Each structure stands twice: as C-alpha cells, then as structure tokens.
Amino acid sequence: MAEDTDAPEPEEIFERTRREGARRLDRPLLELISTSIAAGFDILVGVVVLTLLESQLEHQFGTQAAHVFGSIGFGVGFVFLIVGRGELFTENFLVPLAGLHGRGRGALGKIVELWTVSPIFNIAAGGFLAVLVSIHSVLPYGTGNAARKTAETIYANGWLALFVSAVFAGSLITAMTWFVEGQSSVGVRIAVGWTAGAILALGSFDHVIVVTLELILGIRFGAHIHWSFVIENFFLAAAGNMVGGIGLVTLNRFTQAKSGGRAASA
C-alpha cells in the first residue's frame, strides 16, 4: 500500500521558494527595511523571554533546567518572525538565491542589497529595543544577571568554536526556511519555527543576529565584554552562517530539487 503523505516534493518546495525569492528581489527598499526592523524586534523579544525564564526559574529548577525552559521560550521570537513575515539576514540565503533562477546578472545587486540592509536593520532594531528594556526596573530583578551570564558564556568561547557554531546556526536556520517555504499550513510553519528557535538557543549557537543582540543586552547589564569583540564576532558569525546556510544547505537543497525534477520527467 502506498504511503499517504501531504509533504510536498523538493521540486515543489523549490518552486514556491523561487516565487517568494523573485518577490523579494523585486520589492522596494522601504519594504526590505521595514521587514528587517520587524525581525530585529521579534528576535529581541525571544532573547528577553530566554533571559526572563532563566532568571526566574534558576533557583527553583537549577541552571540547566532553567536554560532548557528559556530556550523553549526563546522560540516565541521565531514564531513572531514567521507569522509576522519579518526577515532575518540568514533567511535571505535560500529564498533570494532561488529567486535568481532565470534572471540576469543585474539581480546580483539586489542580493548584495539584501545581505547588507537586512543585518544592519536587524541589529539596529533589536539593539534599540535592548537599550530600552535594559533601563533600570523595566525587567524583573535578576533578569540582568541572566543576560550578563549569557553574554559572558559566548565571550568565553574560542574563535574556532564560535565559527563552527556559526556554521551550524546558519545551516539550521536555512533548513528552517526551506521547511517553512514548503508548507502552506500556518500551524506547521509555527511548529517548525519554534523548534528551530529552541534548538538555536539550547545550544547557544552563534547566529549573527541572535548572538549580537545577546551580547548587546549582556553589556547593557554589565558584562565585561569589549565592543570590539561584538564587532569581530559579528563578521565571524556572518561568515560562518553563510558557509552553513549557503554551502551546506542551499546548494544541497537546490541539487535535491533539480535531481527530483529530472527524475520525475524521465
């Protein structure tokens, strides 16, 4: 008996992704800026939820359990991101590259625009919100300690570990983008986004936007980290995210889709 499944075929996911990518390449700059700002706000909300849960649950359940609960809570940021149609820098690997299919070299300029504008406004929006929530007494007592610990844990890692962590983070979020683009159900999209966000936070993986905002929030609460580290890790994480997101996931998924399409037409 044939297996009954509603999961779309890779070539169908690619076609959906290509259409969305073409839309992103054709949209005006103002729309890109606004969606990037929205994404920065969404992710900072997730970071705040993470630190809130860690700080409030640590004494009752212990540090490790509190981090697990906090990581699950962090996934809310990705739910907001997906439902609200915001865009992170790492979401603009797979989708716009698929949108290049059948276009001339002129479209490469739009890719460069995406890869510069989106991270700038992701960080600007999330950083602005981090400054606001770190004002004295805005967040409950103890939240600052959790934010500071998170930032200092990141700072304690070596550069190789941070880069490899960034490769995994880029792979994870790009895979999430592929799965989300392949689904029409909002419920499934939410589940995929929440799961990916929780995994990202659970492993404290070096996602260029998430970790930069965690570092900013931690510094605001007194973490002994120089701003030069934030900048250096930004570029390291961006490079690692691109290696994982483009090199390990995007190219493989495109190959999978094209191979499946050729097999179906044979």
Foldseek 3Di string as FASTA:
>chain_A
DDDDDPFDALLVLLVLLLVQLLVLLPDDPVVLLVLLLQLLQLQLVLVLQLLQQQQVCCVPPNNLVSNLVSLLSSLRSLLCSLVVVHDALLLLQQRNVSNCVPHDPVSVVSSVVSNPSNLVSSQVNNLVVLLVCLPPPNGDPRSLVSLQVLLVVLVPDDLVQLLLLLLVLLQLVLVLSSSLSRDPDSVVNSVSSSVSSSVCSSVVRLALSNNLSSNSNNVSSPHPDDVVVSVVSNVSSVVSSCCNNNVVHNVVSVVSNVVVVVVVVD
